Amino acid sequence: MSLEGWTPQIGPYLTLEEVVEHAFDYRGDITVVGTDGTEIVGYLFNRAARAPEPFVEMFDDAGQGPIRIRLADIATIRFTGKDTAAGNSWTAWLERQDKERAEKAAASGA
């Protein structure tokens, strides 16, 4: 299951800290929506939930950063980028195996 396209609703059943953990594990870009309405698109690479002022760090989609954002300044995090780890690994492996078999067969004259 991929989180791609997910816009979590922070509330009593889902905390921002839980969403941050999902964003940290996500293999695509996310959009941090600030409490003031600003949006930053990029890759979240660090988080510190137990810091005196909890924060996340990310590189924006232009590669600038690291950008540190306090959790207190985040309204939500949207999973907007392509999930590069989403479910195609088995299919890709099978395709590589088929290609290698075909190349070996062609090389051996079979």
Protein backbone atom coordinates (compact mmCIF):
# COMPACT_ATOMS: atom_id res chain seq x y z
CA MET A 1 0.00 0.00 0.00
CA SER A 2 1.33 3.41 -0.92
CA LEU A 3 0.72 6.71 0.81
CA GLU A 4 0.99 8.57 -2.50
CA GLY A 5 -1.80 11.14 -2.75
CA TRP A 6 -2.75 10.91 0.93
CA THR A 7 -3.81 14.10 2.72
CA PRO A 8 -4.08 13.11 6.38
CA GLN A 9 -6.58 14.75 8.68
CA ILE A 10 -4.80 15.48 11.94
CA GLY A 11 -7.12 14.95 14.88
CA PRO A 12 -7.98 12.67 17.78
CA TYR A 13 -7.35 9.48 15.75
CA LEU A 14 -4.19 10.59 13.94
CA THR A 15 -1.48 12.75 15.45
CA LEU A 16 0.96 14.97 13.62
CA GLU A 17 3.78 12.91 15.14
CA GLU A 18 2.36 9.77 13.48
CA VAL A 19 2.11 11.56 10.13
CA VAL A 20 5.72 12.78 10.51
CA GLU A 21 6.86 9.16 10.99
CA HIS A 22 5.01 8.13 7.81
CA ALA A 23 6.56 11.08 5.94
CA PHE A 24 10.03 10.12 7.18
CA ASP A 25 9.58 6.59 5.79
CA TYR A 26 8.02 7.81 2.52
CA ARG A 27 10.25 7.56 -0.57
CA GLY A 28 8.83 10.55 -2.40
CA ASP A 29 8.27 14.25 -1.97
CA ILE A 30 5.82 15.54 0.58
CA THR A 31 4.18 18.93 1.03
CA VAL A 32 4.39 20.47 4.48
CA VAL A 33 1.41 22.76 5.03
CA GLY A 34 2.14 25.38 7.65
CA THR A 35 -0.29 26.69 10.22
CA ASP A 36 -0.05 30.00 8.35
CA GLY A 37 -1.01 28.35 5.04
CA THR A 38 2.48 28.28 3.49
CA GLU A 39 3.49 25.13 1.65
CA ILE A 40 6.94 23.64 1.18
CA VAL A 41 7.40 20.73 -1.22
CA GLY A 42 10.40 18.49 -0.78
CA TYR A 43 11.97 15.44 0.80
CA LEU A 44 11.79 14.99 4.57
CA PHE A 45 15.05 13.44 5.75
CA ASN A 46 15.11 14.04 9.51
CA ARG A 47 12.78 14.48 12.44
CA ALA A 48 13.24 15.06 16.17
CA ALA A 49 10.00 14.40 18.02
CA ARG A 50 11.72 14.35 21.42
CA ALA A 51 13.66 17.61 21.03
CA PRO A 52 12.73 20.48 23.39
CA GLU A 53 11.07 22.04 20.31
CA PRO A 54 10.22 19.08 18.03
CA PHE A 55 11.03 19.65 14.35
CA VAL A 56 11.46 18.11 10.92
CA GLU A 57 14.18 18.82 8.38
CA MET A 58 13.79 18.63 4.64
CA PHE A 59 15.28 19.65 1.32
CA ASP A 60 12.85 21.53 -0.89
CA ASP A 61 12.12 20.39 -4.44
CA ALA A 62 14.81 22.77 -5.75
CA GLY A 63 17.40 21.05 -3.53
CA GLN A 64 17.72 23.94 -1.10
CA GLY A 65 18.19 23.17 2.54
CA PRO A 66 18.25 21.71 4.96
CA ILE A 67 15.11 23.53 6.04
CA ARG A 68 14.08 23.09 9.67
CA ILE A 69 10.37 23.40 10.52
CA ARG A 70 9.00 23.21 14.04
CA LEU A 71 6.14 20.75 14.48
CA ALA A 72 4.20 23.55 16.17
CA ASP A 73 4.24 25.36 12.80
CA ILE A 74 2.85 22.40 10.79
CA ALA A 75 -0.87 21.99 10.11
CA THR A 76 -0.49 18.77 8.08
CA ILE A 77 1.76 16.94 5.66
CA ARG A 78 0.47 15.83 2.26
CA PHE A 79 2.05 12.96 0.36
CA THR A 80 2.22 14.66 -3.02
CA GLY A 81 5.26 13.18 -4.77
CA LYS A 82 5.55 9.90 -6.62
CA ASP A 83 6.21 7.03 -4.24
CA THR A 84 9.37 5.61 -5.80
CA ALA A 85 9.19 2.51 -3.60
CA ALA A 86 5.58 1.63 -4.42
CA GLY A 87 4.96 -2.00 -5.28
CA ASN A 88 6.85 -2.35 -8.55
CA SER A 89 9.95 -4.07 -7.20
CA TRP A 90 8.69 -7.62 -7.89
CA THR A 91 7.52 -6.71 -11.39
CA ALA A 92 10.81 -4.96 -12.14
CA TRP A 93 12.77 -7.98 -10.88
CA LEU A 94 10.77 -10.34 -13.09
CA GLU A 95 11.32 -8.12 -16.12
CA ARG A 96 15.08 -8.02 -15.45
CA GLN A 97 15.17 -11.81 -15.11
CA ASP A 98 13.29 -12.29 -18.39
CA LYS A 99 15.61 -9.85 -20.16
CA GLU A 100 18.73 -11.58 -18.80
CA ARG A 101 17.42 -15.00 -19.87
CA ALA A 102 16.69 -13.68 -23.36
CA GLU A 103 20.16 -12.11 -23.63
CA LYS A 104 21.84 -15.36 -22.49
CA ALA A 105 19.77 -17.37 -24.96
CA ALA A 106 20.69 -14.99 -27.79
CA ALA A 107 24.38 -15.09 -26.85
CA SER A 108 24.44 -18.91 -26.77
CA GLY A 109 22.66 -19.12 -30.12
CA ALA A 110 19.61 -20.85 -28.70
